[in-house]
């Protein structure tokens, strides 16, 4: 890993909203931060939100103030609210603005359904929890569904709720934090607890 690679780049923005799934983006944000990226939380407003795990999060900025040109990546975690109404639809619309501007987006779990409703999965290879979960949204991208832990296509990374490490793997690849042997070793260490993978990272000064 080039630990200074992110220091001259734009921040990474992490969406935060009530009922967000705490565990789904931790690997991604922690390792991007270690690579030098500033992580800025983005809420529906400036008001604090509360995660599924009861963590109270103070957003660093409000969604209306977020511009794609000021960001390296938008990360959308899952949340109960993705499936209980349209409260988070503005985040899906912001994802469209990011992708239209050529700025990548990463979505996991329920956020993939929000993007499906927005039409962002109709023409991109993608994954989620299970195919019928997305099919229930009425989207038109069923033929592009891939049975995989995480999928990257057209600037969009998607993953199911049990694959936070795979989500991070694809984001680290996309932003050039790791590649090749180091990316493989990183994934084997954090997904498979492979001690040999740690030795590869340590040798490269990336552990």
N, C-alpha and C. Protein backbone atom coordinates (compact mmCIF):
# COMPACT_ATOMS: atom_id res chain seq x y z
N UNK A 1 0.84 -1.20 0.00
CA UNK A 1 0.00 0.00 0.00
C UNK A 1 0.87 1.24 0.00
N UNK A 2 0.48 2.21 -0.77
CA UNK A 2 1.11 3.52 -0.74
C UNK A 2 0.37 4.36 0.30
N UNK A 3 0.95 4.45 1.49
CA UNK A 3 0.24 5.07 2.62
C UNK A 3 -0.06 6.54 2.39
N UNK A 4 0.68 7.19 1.49
CA UNK A 4 0.43 8.60 1.22
C UNK A 4 -0.42 8.81 -0.01
N UNK A 5 -0.87 7.70 -0.63
CA UNK A 5 -1.56 7.81 -1.91
C UNK A 5 -2.80 8.67 -1.83
N UNK A 6 -3.52 8.60 -0.70
CA UNK A 6 -4.77 9.33 -0.61
C UNK A 6 -4.65 10.75 -0.11
N UNK A 7 -3.45 11.14 0.35
CA UNK A 7 -3.36 12.43 1.04
C UNK A 7 -3.58 13.62 0.13
N UNK A 8 -3.28 13.47 -1.13
CA UNK A 8 -3.48 14.56 -2.07
C UNK A 8 -4.78 14.41 -2.85
N UNK A 9 -5.61 13.50 -2.45
CA UNK A 9 -6.86 13.25 -3.15
C UNK A 9 -8.04 13.81 -2.39
N UNK A 10 -9.17 13.80 -3.04
CA UNK A 10 -10.39 14.31 -2.43
C UNK A 10 -10.89 13.33 -1.37
N UNK A 11 -11.68 13.80 -0.42
CA UNK A 11 -12.17 12.93 0.64
C UNK A 11 -13.09 11.82 0.12
N UNK A 12 -13.26 10.82 0.96
CA UNK A 12 -14.27 9.78 0.74
C UNK A 12 -15.46 10.12 1.63
N UNK A 13 -16.65 10.02 1.08
CA UNK A 13 -17.86 10.38 1.84
C UNK A 13 -18.66 9.12 2.21
N UNK A 14 -18.94 8.99 3.48
CA UNK A 14 -19.71 7.86 4.01
C UNK A 14 -21.08 8.35 4.42
N UNK A 15 -22.12 7.82 3.79
CA UNK A 15 -23.48 8.18 4.14
C UNK A 15 -23.84 7.60 5.50
N UNK A 16 -24.48 8.41 6.32
CA UNK A 16 -24.94 7.94 7.64
C UNK A 16 -26.39 8.38 7.81
N UNK A 17 -27.18 7.47 8.34
CA UNK A 17 -28.61 7.73 8.55
C UNK A 17 -29.11 6.77 9.61
N UNK A 18 -30.25 7.09 10.20
CA UNK A 18 -30.80 6.23 11.24
C UNK A 18 -30.92 4.80 10.73
N UNK A 19 -30.60 3.85 11.61
CA UNK A 19 -30.64 2.39 11.38
C UNK A 19 -29.53 1.91 10.46
N UNK A 20 -28.51 2.72 10.18
CA UNK A 20 -27.42 2.24 9.34
C UNK A 20 -26.75 1.05 10.01
N UNK A 21 -26.30 0.10 9.18
CA UNK A 21 -25.66 -1.12 9.67
C UNK A 21 -24.19 -0.84 9.96
N UNK A 22 -23.83 -0.77 11.21
CA UNK A 22 -22.49 -0.38 11.65
C UNK A 22 -21.37 -1.21 11.00
N UNK A 23 -21.60 -2.51 10.88
CA UNK A 23 -20.53 -3.45 10.53
C UNK A 23 -20.21 -3.48 9.04
N UNK A 24 -20.99 -2.86 8.22
CA UNK A 24 -20.88 -3.10 6.78
C UNK A 24 -19.81 -2.28 6.06
N UNK A 25 -19.37 -1.20 6.65
CA UNK A 25 -18.40 -0.35 5.94
C UNK A 25 -17.12 -0.11 6.72
N UNK A 26 -16.97 -0.75 7.87
CA UNK A 26 -15.81 -0.51 8.72
C UNK A 26 -14.48 -0.85 8.07
N UNK A 27 -14.40 -1.99 7.40
CA UNK A 27 -13.17 -2.36 6.73
C UNK A 27 -12.82 -1.34 5.65
N UNK A 28 -13.83 -0.91 4.92
CA UNK A 28 -13.60 0.03 3.83
C UNK A 28 -13.07 1.36 4.35
N UNK A 29 -13.76 1.96 5.29
CA UNK A 29 -13.36 3.28 5.76
C UNK A 29 -12.04 3.23 6.54
N UNK A 30 -11.84 2.19 7.34
CA UNK A 30 -10.61 2.11 8.14
C UNK A 30 -9.38 2.03 7.25
N UNK A 31 -9.45 1.21 6.22
CA UNK A 31 -8.26 1.03 5.38
C UNK A 31 -8.08 2.17 4.39
N UNK A 32 -9.15 2.83 4.01
CA UNK A 32 -8.98 4.04 3.21
C UNK A 32 -8.35 5.15 4.06
N UNK A 33 -8.79 5.25 5.31
CA UNK A 33 -8.20 6.25 6.20
C UNK A 33 -6.71 5.97 6.41
N UNK A 34 -6.35 4.70 6.56
CA UNK A 34 -4.94 4.35 6.74
C UNK A 34 -4.14 4.67 5.48
N UNK A 35 -4.81 4.68 4.35
CA UNK A 35 -4.14 5.02 3.09
C UNK A 35 -4.06 6.53 2.88
N UNK A 36 -4.61 7.29 3.80
CA UNK A 36 -4.50 8.73 3.73
C UNK A 36 -5.73 9.48 3.29
N UNK A 37 -6.83 8.78 3.05
CA UNK A 37 -8.06 9.45 2.66
C UNK A 37 -8.77 10.01 3.87
N UNK A 38 -9.25 11.23 3.77
CA UNK A 38 -10.12 11.78 4.79
C UNK A 38 -11.51 11.18 4.61
N UNK A 39 -12.11 10.73 5.70
CA UNK A 39 -13.46 10.16 5.65
C UNK A 39 -14.42 11.18 6.24
N UNK A 40 -15.39 11.60 5.46
CA UNK A 40 -16.38 12.59 5.91
C UNK A 40 -17.76 11.93 5.91
N UNK A 41 -18.45 11.99 7.02
CA UNK A 41 -19.80 11.44 7.10
C UNK A 41 -20.81 12.43 6.54
N UNK A 42 -21.83 11.87 5.88
CA UNK A 42 -22.86 12.68 5.22
C UNK A 42 -24.23 12.23 5.70
N UNK A 43 -24.96 13.11 6.34
CA UNK A 43 -26.28 12.77 6.85
C UNK A 43 -27.39 13.41 6.04
N UNK A 44 -28.63 13.01 6.29
CA UNK A 44 -29.76 13.67 5.64
C UNK A 44 -29.78 15.17 5.93
N UNK A 45 -29.28 15.53 7.10
CA UNK A 45 -29.15 16.93 7.52
C UNK A 45 -27.93 16.98 8.45
N UNK A 46 -27.77 18.06 9.16
CA UNK A 46 -26.67 18.16 10.11
C UNK A 46 -27.00 17.51 11.46
N UNK A 47 -28.22 17.01 11.61
CA UNK A 47 -28.65 16.42 12.88
C UNK A 47 -28.01 15.05 13.09
N UNK A 48 -27.70 14.67 14.33
CA UNK A 48 -27.12 13.37 14.60
C UNK A 48 -28.06 12.23 14.19
N UNK A 49 -27.48 11.08 13.85
CA UNK A 49 -28.25 9.88 13.52
C UNK A 49 -27.80 8.76 14.44
N UNK A 50 -28.60 7.69 14.49
CA UNK A 50 -28.30 6.56 15.37
C UNK A 50 -28.29 5.27 14.56
N UNK A 51 -27.22 4.53 14.69
CA UNK A 51 -27.06 3.28 13.94
C UNK A 51 -27.86 2.15 14.56
N UNK A 52 -27.91 1.01 13.86
CA UNK A 52 -28.56 -0.18 14.40
C UNK A 52 -27.93 -0.56 15.74
N UNK A 53 -26.61 -0.39 15.83
CA UNK A 53 -25.90 -0.75 17.05
C UNK A 53 -25.98 0.29 18.15
N UNK A 54 -26.75 1.35 17.93
CA UNK A 54 -26.93 2.36 18.96
C UNK A 54 -25.87 3.44 18.99
N UNK A 55 -25.00 3.46 17.97
CA UNK A 55 -23.99 4.51 17.92
C UNK A 55 -24.62 5.82 17.43
N UNK A 56 -24.32 6.88 18.12
CA UNK A 56 -24.82 8.20 17.73
C UNK A 56 -23.74 8.86 16.88
N UNK A 57 -24.08 9.22 15.67
CA UNK A 57 -23.11 9.76 14.71
C UNK A 57 -23.51 11.18 14.35
N UNK A 58 -22.54 12.09 14.47
CA UNK A 58 -22.75 13.47 14.06
C UNK A 58 -22.24 13.65 12.63
N UNK A 59 -23.11 13.86 11.67
CA UNK A 59 -22.65 14.01 10.28
C UNK A 59 -21.67 15.17 10.13
N UNK A 60 -20.68 14.96 9.26
CA UNK A 60 -19.74 16.02 8.98
C UNK A 60 -20.28 17.03 7.99
N UNK A 61 -21.26 16.62 7.20
CA UNK A 61 -21.91 17.51 6.26
C UNK A 61 -23.31 16.98 5.96
N UNK A 62 -24.12 17.80 5.34
CA UNK A 62 -25.48 17.40 4.97
C UNK A 62 -25.51 17.00 3.50
N UNK A 63 -26.41 16.10 3.15
CA UNK A 63 -26.48 15.57 1.79
C UNK A 63 -26.64 16.67 0.75
N UNK A 64 -27.46 17.66 1.03
CA UNK A 64 -27.70 18.73 0.06
C UNK A 64 -26.44 19.52 -0.26
N UNK A 65 -25.47 19.48 0.65
CA UNK A 65 -24.24 20.24 0.45
C UNK A 65 -23.13 19.44 -0.22
N UNK A 66 -23.39 18.16 -0.47
CA UNK A 66 -22.37 17.28 -1.06
C UNK A 66 -22.38 17.39 -2.57
N UNK A 67 -21.19 17.65 -3.16
CA UNK A 67 -21.05 17.73 -4.60
C UNK A 67 -20.09 16.64 -5.07
N UNK A 68 -20.42 15.94 -6.13
CA UNK A 68 -19.53 14.88 -6.62
C UNK A 68 -18.11 15.36 -6.89
N UNK A 69 -17.97 16.57 -7.37
CA UNK A 69 -16.64 17.07 -7.71
C UNK A 69 -15.74 17.27 -6.49
N UNK A 70 -16.31 17.20 -5.30
CA UNK A 70 -15.53 17.36 -4.08
C UNK A 70 -15.19 16.02 -3.44
N UNK A 71 -15.45 14.92 -4.13
CA UNK A 71 -15.34 13.61 -3.50
C UNK A 71 -14.59 12.61 -4.37
N UNK A 72 -13.97 11.64 -3.71
CA UNK A 72 -13.35 10.51 -4.41
C UNK A 72 -14.29 9.32 -4.50
N UNK A 73 -15.27 9.24 -3.58
CA UNK A 73 -16.13 8.07 -3.50
C UNK A 73 -17.28 8.36 -2.54
N UNK A 74 -18.46 7.84 -2.86
CA UNK A 74 -19.61 7.85 -1.95
C UNK A 74 -19.91 6.42 -1.54
N UNK A 75 -19.96 6.18 -0.22
CA UNK A 75 -20.26 4.85 0.32
C UNK A 75 -21.64 4.86 0.94
N UNK A 76 -22.48 3.91 0.53
CA UNK A 76 -23.84 3.79 1.06
C UNK A 76 -23.99 2.48 1.82
N UNK A 77 -24.06 2.51 3.15
CA UNK A 77 -24.30 1.29 3.93
C UNK A 77 -25.76 0.88 3.90
N UNK A 78 -26.01 -0.34 4.30
CA UNK A 78 -27.38 -0.79 4.46
C UNK A 78 -28.03 -0.14 5.66
N UNK A 79 -29.36 -0.20 5.71
CA UNK A 79 -30.13 0.34 6.83
C UNK A 79 -31.56 -0.16 6.69
N UNK A 80 -32.23 -0.32 7.81
CA UNK A 80 -33.64 -0.72 7.76
C UNK A 80 -34.47 0.25 6.93
N UNK A 81 -34.09 1.52 6.97
CA UNK A 81 -34.88 2.55 6.28
C UNK A 81 -34.90 2.39 4.77
N UNK A 82 -33.93 1.67 4.20
CA UNK A 82 -33.98 1.44 2.76
C UNK A 82 -35.22 0.66 2.35
N UNK A 83 -35.77 -0.15 3.28
CA UNK A 83 -36.87 -1.05 2.93
C UNK A 83 -38.20 -0.66 3.55
N UNK A 84 -38.24 0.46 4.23
CA UNK A 84 -39.48 0.82 4.93
C UNK A 84 -40.11 2.10 4.42
N UNK A 85 -39.60 2.65 3.35
CA UNK A 85 -40.17 3.89 2.81
C UNK A 85 -39.18 4.57 1.89
N UNK A 86 -39.42 5.84 1.64
CA UNK A 86 -38.59 6.60 0.70
C UNK A 86 -37.66 7.59 1.40
N UNK A 87 -37.46 7.41 2.70
CA UNK A 87 -36.65 8.37 3.43
C UNK A 87 -35.23 8.51 2.87
N UNK A 88 -34.68 7.39 2.36
CA UNK A 88 -33.30 7.41 1.89
C UNK A 88 -33.18 7.57 0.38
N UNK A 89 -34.30 7.75 -0.29
CA UNK A 89 -34.26 7.94 -1.75
C UNK A 89 -33.35 9.09 -2.16
N UNK A 90 -33.25 10.17 -1.40
CA UNK A 90 -32.33 11.24 -1.79
C UNK A 90 -30.87 10.78 -1.89
N UNK A 91 -30.50 9.77 -1.10
CA UNK A 91 -29.14 9.25 -1.19
C UNK A 91 -28.93 8.48 -2.50
N UNK A 92 -29.97 7.78 -2.94
CA UNK A 92 -29.88 7.09 -4.23
C UNK A 92 -29.79 8.09 -5.37
N UNK A 93 -30.54 9.18 -5.24
CA UNK A 93 -30.45 10.22 -6.28
C UNK A 93 -29.07 10.88 -6.29
N UNK A 94 -28.49 11.03 -5.11
CA UNK A 94 -27.13 11.58 -5.05
C UNK A 94 -26.15 10.60 -5.68
N UNK A 95 -26.37 9.31 -5.48
CA UNK A 95 -25.51 8.31 -6.12
C UNK A 95 -25.58 8.44 -7.64
N UNK A 96 -26.75 8.69 -8.16
CA UNK A 96 -26.88 8.91 -9.61
C UNK A 96 -26.04 10.11 -10.05
N UNK A 97 -26.10 11.19 -9.29
CA UNK A 97 -25.32 12.38 -9.63
C UNK A 97 -23.82 12.07 -9.62
N UNK A 98 -23.39 11.27 -8.64
CA UNK A 98 -21.98 10.86 -8.58
C UNK A 98 -21.60 10.06 -9.81
N UNK A 99 -22.37 9.05 -10.13
CA UNK A 99 -22.04 8.19 -11.26
C UNK A 99 -22.09 8.97 -12.57
N UNK A 100 -23.05 9.86 -12.70
CA UNK A 100 -23.13 10.68 -13.91
C UNK A 100 -21.90 11.58 -14.05
N UNK A 101 -21.31 11.94 -12.92
CA UNK A 101 -20.14 12.81 -12.93
C UNK A 101 -18.83 12.02 -13.00
N UNK A 102 -18.95 10.69 -13.07
CA UNK A 102 -17.75 9.86 -13.14
C UNK A 102 -17.07 9.61 -11.82
N UNK A 103 -17.78 9.85 -10.70
CA UNK A 103 -17.25 9.61 -9.36
C UNK A 103 -17.86 8.32 -8.82
N UNK A 104 -17.04 7.37 -8.35
CA UNK A 104 -17.56 6.06 -7.98
C UNK A 104 -18.45 6.06 -6.74
N UNK A 105 -19.24 4.99 -6.66
CA UNK A 105 -20.16 4.77 -5.54
C UNK A 105 -20.01 3.32 -5.11
N UNK A 106 -20.08 3.07 -3.80
CA UNK A 106 -20.08 1.72 -3.26
C UNK A 106 -21.32 1.54 -2.40
N UNK A 107 -22.06 0.45 -2.64
CA UNK A 107 -23.31 0.21 -1.91
C UNK A 107 -23.36 -1.23 -1.42
N UNK A 108 -23.88 -1.43 -0.24
CA UNK A 108 -23.97 -2.76 0.34
C UNK A 108 -25.35 -2.97 0.95
N UNK A 109 -25.81 -4.21 0.92
CA UNK A 109 -27.05 -4.61 1.59
C UNK A 109 -28.24 -3.79 1.08
N UNK A 110 -29.00 -3.20 1.97
CA UNK A 110 -30.22 -2.50 1.58
C UNK A 110 -29.99 -1.34 0.64
N UNK A 111 -28.79 -0.77 0.66
CA UNK A 111 -28.50 0.33 -0.26
C UNK A 111 -28.57 -0.12 -1.71
N UNK A 112 -28.30 -1.41 -1.97
CA UNK A 112 -28.40 -1.90 -3.35
C UNK A 112 -29.85 -1.84 -3.82
N UNK A 113 -30.79 -2.09 -2.92
CA UNK A 113 -32.21 -1.99 -3.30
C UNK A 113 -32.58 -0.55 -3.60
N UNK A 114 -32.03 0.38 -2.83
CA UNK A 114 -32.28 1.79 -3.11
C UNK A 114 -31.76 2.19 -4.47
N UNK A 115 -30.60 1.68 -4.85
CA UNK A 115 -30.05 1.98 -6.17
C UNK A 115 -30.86 1.30 -7.27
N UNK A 116 -31.38 0.10 -6.96
CA UNK A 116 -32.23 -0.59 -7.94
C UNK A 116 -33.48 0.24 -8.22
N UNK A 117 -34.10 0.78 -7.17
CA UNK A 117 -35.30 1.60 -7.36
C UNK A 117 -34.99 2.86 -8.17
N UNK A 118 -33.77 3.34 -8.05
CA UNK A 118 -33.35 4.54 -8.77
C UNK A 118 -32.98 4.22 -10.23
N UNK A 119 -32.94 2.91 -10.58
CA UNK A 119 -32.61 2.52 -11.94
C UNK A 119 -31.13 2.40 -12.21
N UNK A 120 -30.30 2.47 -11.17
CA UNK A 120 -28.86 2.47 -11.37
C UNK A 120 -28.28 1.07 -11.58
N UNK A 121 -29.08 0.04 -11.36
CA UNK A 121 -28.61 -1.33 -11.57
C UNK A 121 -29.15 -1.95 -12.85
N UNK A 122 -29.94 -1.20 -13.58
CA UNK A 122 -30.56 -1.76 -14.79
C UNK A 122 -29.52 -2.11 -15.85
N UNK A 123 -28.44 -1.33 -15.92
CA UNK A 123 -27.46 -1.50 -17.00
C UNK A 123 -26.06 -1.80 -16.50
N UNK A 124 -25.94 -2.17 -15.23
CA UNK A 124 -24.63 -2.50 -14.67
C UNK A 124 -24.68 -3.88 -14.04
N UNK A 125 -23.60 -4.64 -14.17
CA UNK A 125 -23.47 -5.88 -13.42
C UNK A 125 -23.47 -5.53 -11.93
N UNK A 126 -24.13 -6.35 -11.13
CA UNK A 126 -24.27 -6.02 -9.71
C UNK A 126 -24.59 -7.26 -8.91
N UNK A 127 -24.55 -7.12 -7.59
CA UNK A 127 -24.99 -8.18 -6.70
C UNK A 127 -25.70 -7.55 -5.50
N UNK A 128 -26.21 -8.41 -4.63
CA UNK A 128 -26.90 -7.96 -3.42
C UNK A 128 -27.04 -9.16 -2.50
N UNK A 129 -28.05 -9.17 -1.65
CA UNK A 129 -28.27 -10.28 -0.74
C UNK A 129 -28.66 -11.54 -1.52
N UNK A 130 -29.75 -11.45 -2.28
CA UNK A 130 -30.26 -12.52 -3.13
C UNK A 130 -31.01 -11.86 -4.29
N UNK A 131 -31.14 -12.54 -5.44
CA UNK A 131 -31.80 -11.92 -6.58
C UNK A 131 -33.22 -11.46 -6.31
N UNK A 132 -34.01 -12.26 -5.56
CA UNK A 132 -35.41 -11.90 -5.39
C UNK A 132 -35.59 -10.67 -4.50
N UNK A 133 -34.57 -10.35 -3.69
CA UNK A 133 -34.63 -9.13 -2.89
C UNK A 133 -34.67 -7.91 -3.81
N UNK A 134 -33.80 -7.89 -4.80
CA UNK A 134 -33.82 -6.78 -5.76
C UNK A 134 -35.02 -6.86 -6.69
N UNK A 135 -35.42 -8.07 -7.06
CA UNK A 135 -36.56 -8.23 -7.97
C UNK A 135 -37.81 -7.59 -7.38
N UNK A 136 -37.92 -7.61 -6.05
CA UNK A 136 -39.10 -7.04 -5.39
C UNK A 136 -39.19 -5.52 -5.58
N UNK A 137 -38.09 -4.90 -6.00
CA UNK A 137 -38.11 -3.45 -6.23
C UNK A 137 -38.77 -3.11 -7.56
N UNK A 138 -38.95 -4.12 -8.43
CA UNK A 138 -39.50 -3.87 -9.75
C UNK A 138 -38.49 -3.34 -10.75
N UNK A 139 -37.21 -3.46 -10.41
CA UNK A 139 -36.19 -2.93 -11.33
C UNK A 139 -36.05 -3.81 -12.57
N UNK A 140 -35.33 -3.32 -13.57
CA UNK A 140 -35.21 -4.02 -14.84
C UNK A 140 -33.83 -4.63 -15.07
N UNK A 141 -33.05 -4.76 -14.01
CA UNK A 141 -31.68 -5.25 -14.17
C UNK A 141 -31.46 -6.68 -13.75
N UNK A 142 -32.51 -7.47 -13.63
CA UNK A 142 -32.35 -8.84 -13.15
C UNK A 142 -31.35 -9.67 -13.93
N UNK A 143 -31.27 -9.46 -15.23
CA UNK A 143 -30.34 -10.23 -16.05
C UNK A 143 -28.89 -9.85 -15.80
N UNK A 144 -28.67 -8.73 -15.14
CA UNK A 144 -27.30 -8.29 -14.84
C UNK A 144 -26.86 -8.71 -13.43
N UNK A 145 -27.73 -9.42 -12.72
CA UNK A 145 -27.39 -9.86 -11.36
C UNK A 145 -26.30 -10.93 -11.43
N UNK A 146 -25.29 -10.82 -10.54
CA UNK A 146 -24.18 -11.76 -10.50
C UNK A 146 -24.12 -12.39 -9.12
N UNK A 147 -24.03 -13.70 -9.07
CA UNK A 147 -23.87 -14.41 -7.80
C UNK A 147 -22.40 -14.32 -7.40
N UNK A 148 -22.05 -13.29 -6.64
CA UNK A 148 -20.67 -13.05 -6.23
C UNK A 148 -20.68 -12.28 -4.92
N UNK A 149 -19.54 -12.28 -4.22
CA UNK A 149 -19.49 -11.56 -2.94
C UNK A 149 -19.55 -10.06 -3.13
N UNK A 150 -18.93 -9.57 -4.22
CA UNK A 150 -18.98 -8.15 -4.54
C UNK A 150 -18.72 -8.00 -6.03
N UNK A 151 -19.30 -6.98 -6.63
CA UNK A 151 -19.18 -6.75 -8.06
C UNK A 151 -18.90 -5.28 -8.31
N UNK A 152 -17.98 -5.01 -9.23
CA UNK A 152 -17.69 -3.64 -9.64
C UNK A 152 -17.96 -3.50 -11.12
N UNK A 153 -18.75 -2.49 -11.49
CA UNK A 153 -19.05 -2.26 -12.91
C UNK A 153 -19.49 -0.81 -13.09
N UNK A 154 -18.93 -0.14 -14.08
CA UNK A 154 -19.34 1.21 -14.39
C UNK A 154 -19.20 2.20 -13.26
N UNK A 155 -18.16 2.03 -12.44
CA UNK A 155 -17.93 2.94 -11.32
C UNK A 155 -18.75 2.63 -10.09
N UNK A 156 -19.51 1.54 -10.11
CA UNK A 156 -20.36 1.18 -8.97
C UNK A 156 -19.93 -0.16 -8.40
N UNK A 157 -19.70 -0.20 -7.09
CA UNK A 157 -19.40 -1.44 -6.37
C UNK A 157 -20.63 -1.82 -5.56
N UNK A 158 -21.05 -3.08 -5.67
CA UNK A 158 -22.17 -3.57 -4.87
C UNK A 158 -21.75 -4.84 -4.14
N UNK A 159 -22.38 -5.07 -2.98
CA UNK A 159 -22.09 -6.26 -2.18
C UNK A 159 -23.30 -6.59 -1.34
N UNK A 160 -23.40 -7.85 -0.94
CA UNK A 160 -24.47 -8.29 -0.06
C UNK A 160 -24.12 -8.05 1.40
N UNK A 161 -25.08 -8.23 2.31
CA UNK A 161 -24.91 -7.87 3.71
C UNK A 161 -23.86 -8.68 4.45
N UNK A 162 -23.52 -9.86 3.94
CA UNK A 162 -22.53 -10.71 4.63
C UNK A 162 -21.13 -10.55 4.05
N UNK A 163 -20.93 -9.56 3.19
CA UNK A 163 -19.64 -9.44 2.50
C UNK A 163 -18.99 -8.06 2.65
N UNK A 164 -18.86 -7.55 3.87
CA UNK A 164 -18.21 -6.24 4.03
C UNK A 164 -16.74 -6.25 3.63
N UNK A 165 -16.06 -7.38 3.80
CA UNK A 165 -14.64 -7.44 3.43
C UNK A 165 -14.50 -7.43 1.91
N UNK A 166 -15.40 -8.11 1.22
CA UNK A 166 -15.37 -8.09 -0.24
C UNK A 166 -15.69 -6.70 -0.78
N UNK A 167 -16.61 -5.99 -0.13
CA UNK A 167 -16.89 -4.62 -0.53
C UNK A 167 -15.61 -3.79 -0.44
N UNK A 168 -14.91 -3.91 0.69
CA UNK A 168 -13.67 -3.17 0.88
C UNK A 168 -12.64 -3.56 -0.18
N UNK A 169 -12.54 -4.85 -0.47
CA UNK A 169 -11.58 -5.31 -1.49
C UNK A 169 -11.79 -4.59 -2.81
N UNK A 170 -13.04 -4.51 -3.25
CA UNK A 170 -13.31 -3.88 -4.55
C UNK A 170 -13.09 -2.38 -4.50
N UNK A 171 -13.37 -1.75 -3.37
CA UNK A 171 -13.12 -0.31 -3.24
C UNK A 171 -11.61 -0.04 -3.23
N UNK A 172 -10.86 -0.85 -2.49
CA UNK A 172 -9.41 -0.68 -2.45
C UNK A 172 -8.80 -0.87 -3.83
N UNK A 173 -9.36 -1.80 -4.59
CA UNK A 173 -8.90 -2.00 -5.96
C UNK A 173 -9.25 -0.78 -6.83
N UNK A 174 -10.48 -0.32 -6.69
CA UNK A 174 -10.97 0.77 -7.53
C UNK A 174 -10.17 2.05 -7.32
N UNK A 175 -9.83 2.33 -6.05
CA UNK A 175 -9.10 3.55 -5.74
C UNK A 175 -7.59 3.37 -5.79
N UNK A 176 -7.13 2.17 -6.13
CA UNK A 176 -5.71 1.94 -6.29
C UNK A 176 -4.91 1.84 -5.01
N UNK A 177 -5.58 1.55 -3.89
CA UNK A 177 -4.87 1.41 -2.63
C UNK A 177 -4.04 0.13 -2.63
N UNK A 178 -4.63 -0.96 -3.09
CA UNK A 178 -3.94 -2.23 -3.26
C UNK A 178 -4.26 -2.76 -4.66
N UNK A 179 -3.37 -3.60 -5.16
CA UNK A 179 -3.69 -4.35 -6.37
C UNK A 179 -2.86 -5.63 -6.38
N UNK A 180 -3.15 -6.48 -7.31
CA UNK A 180 -2.37 -7.71 -7.50
C UNK A 180 -2.22 -8.54 -6.25
N UNK A 181 -0.97 -8.95 -5.98
CA UNK A 181 -0.66 -9.84 -4.86
C UNK A 181 -1.03 -9.23 -3.52
N UNK A 182 -0.82 -7.92 -3.37
CA UNK A 182 -1.14 -7.28 -2.10
C UNK A 182 -2.64 -7.26 -1.84
N UNK A 183 -3.41 -7.00 -2.86
CA UNK A 183 -4.87 -7.00 -2.68
C UNK A 183 -5.34 -8.40 -2.32
N UNK A 184 -4.81 -9.40 -3.00
CA UNK A 184 -5.18 -10.78 -2.69
C UNK A 184 -4.80 -11.13 -1.25
N UNK A 185 -3.59 -10.72 -0.83
CA UNK A 185 -3.15 -11.01 0.53
C UNK A 185 -4.03 -10.28 1.56
N UNK A 186 -4.37 -9.02 1.26
CA UNK A 186 -5.22 -8.27 2.18
C UNK A 186 -6.55 -8.99 2.38
N UNK A 187 -7.15 -9.45 1.29
CA UNK A 187 -8.43 -10.13 1.39
C UNK A 187 -8.31 -11.45 2.16
N UNK A 188 -7.26 -12.21 1.87
CA UNK A 188 -7.08 -13.48 2.56
C UNK A 188 -6.84 -13.29 4.05
N UNK A 189 -6.19 -12.20 4.41
CA UNK A 189 -5.96 -11.95 5.83
C UNK A 189 -7.26 -11.60 6.55
N UNK A 190 -8.01 -10.65 6.02
CA UNK A 190 -9.18 -10.17 6.73
C UNK A 190 -10.43 -11.01 6.50
N UNK A 191 -10.46 -11.78 5.43
CA UNK A 191 -11.62 -12.64 5.19
C UNK A 191 -11.38 -14.07 5.68
N UNK A 192 -10.16 -14.55 5.47
CA UNK A 192 -9.86 -15.96 5.76
C UNK A 192 -8.95 -16.16 6.96
N UNK A 193 -8.47 -15.09 7.57
CA UNK A 193 -7.53 -15.17 8.70
C UNK A 193 -6.30 -15.99 8.34
N UNK A 194 -5.78 -15.79 7.14
CA UNK A 194 -4.65 -16.55 6.62
C UNK A 194 -3.35 -15.92 7.11
N UNK A 195 -2.59 -16.59 8.00
CA UNK A 195 -1.35 -16.00 8.52
C UNK A 195 -0.30 -15.78 7.44
N UNK A 196 -0.31 -16.59 6.40
CA UNK A 196 0.64 -16.39 5.32
C UNK A 196 0.37 -15.08 4.58
N UNK A 197 -0.88 -14.67 4.54
CA UNK A 197 -1.22 -13.41 3.90
C UNK A 197 -0.64 -12.24 4.69
N UNK A 198 -0.63 -12.34 6.00
CA UNK A 198 -0.04 -11.28 6.81
C UNK A 198 1.43 -11.11 6.48
N UNK A 199 2.13 -12.23 6.28
CA UNK A 199 3.56 -12.16 5.96
C UNK A 199 3.79 -11.41 4.65
N UNK A 200 2.90 -11.59 3.68
CA UNK A 200 3.02 -10.89 2.40
C UNK A 200 2.85 -9.39 2.60
N UNK A 201 1.87 -9.01 3.39
CA UNK A 201 1.63 -7.59 3.64
C UNK A 201 2.76 -6.97 4.45
N UNK A 202 3.26 -7.71 5.46
CA UNK A 202 4.35 -7.20 6.28
C UNK A 202 5.61 -6.99 5.46
N UNK A 203 5.90 -7.90 4.56
CA UNK A 203 7.08 -7.79 3.71
C UNK A 203 7.02 -6.54 2.84
N UNK A 204 5.81 -6.18 2.44
CA UNK A 204 5.62 -5.00 1.58
C UNK A 204 5.44 -3.72 2.39
N UNK A 205 5.50 -3.85 3.74
CA UNK A 205 5.30 -2.70 4.58
C UNK A 205 3.87 -2.22 4.62
N UNK A 206 2.94 -3.13 4.35
CA UNK A 206 1.54 -2.76 4.28
C UNK A 206 0.71 -3.36 5.39
N UNK A 207 1.35 -4.02 6.34
CA UNK A 207 0.59 -4.67 7.42
C UNK A 207 0.30 -3.68 8.55
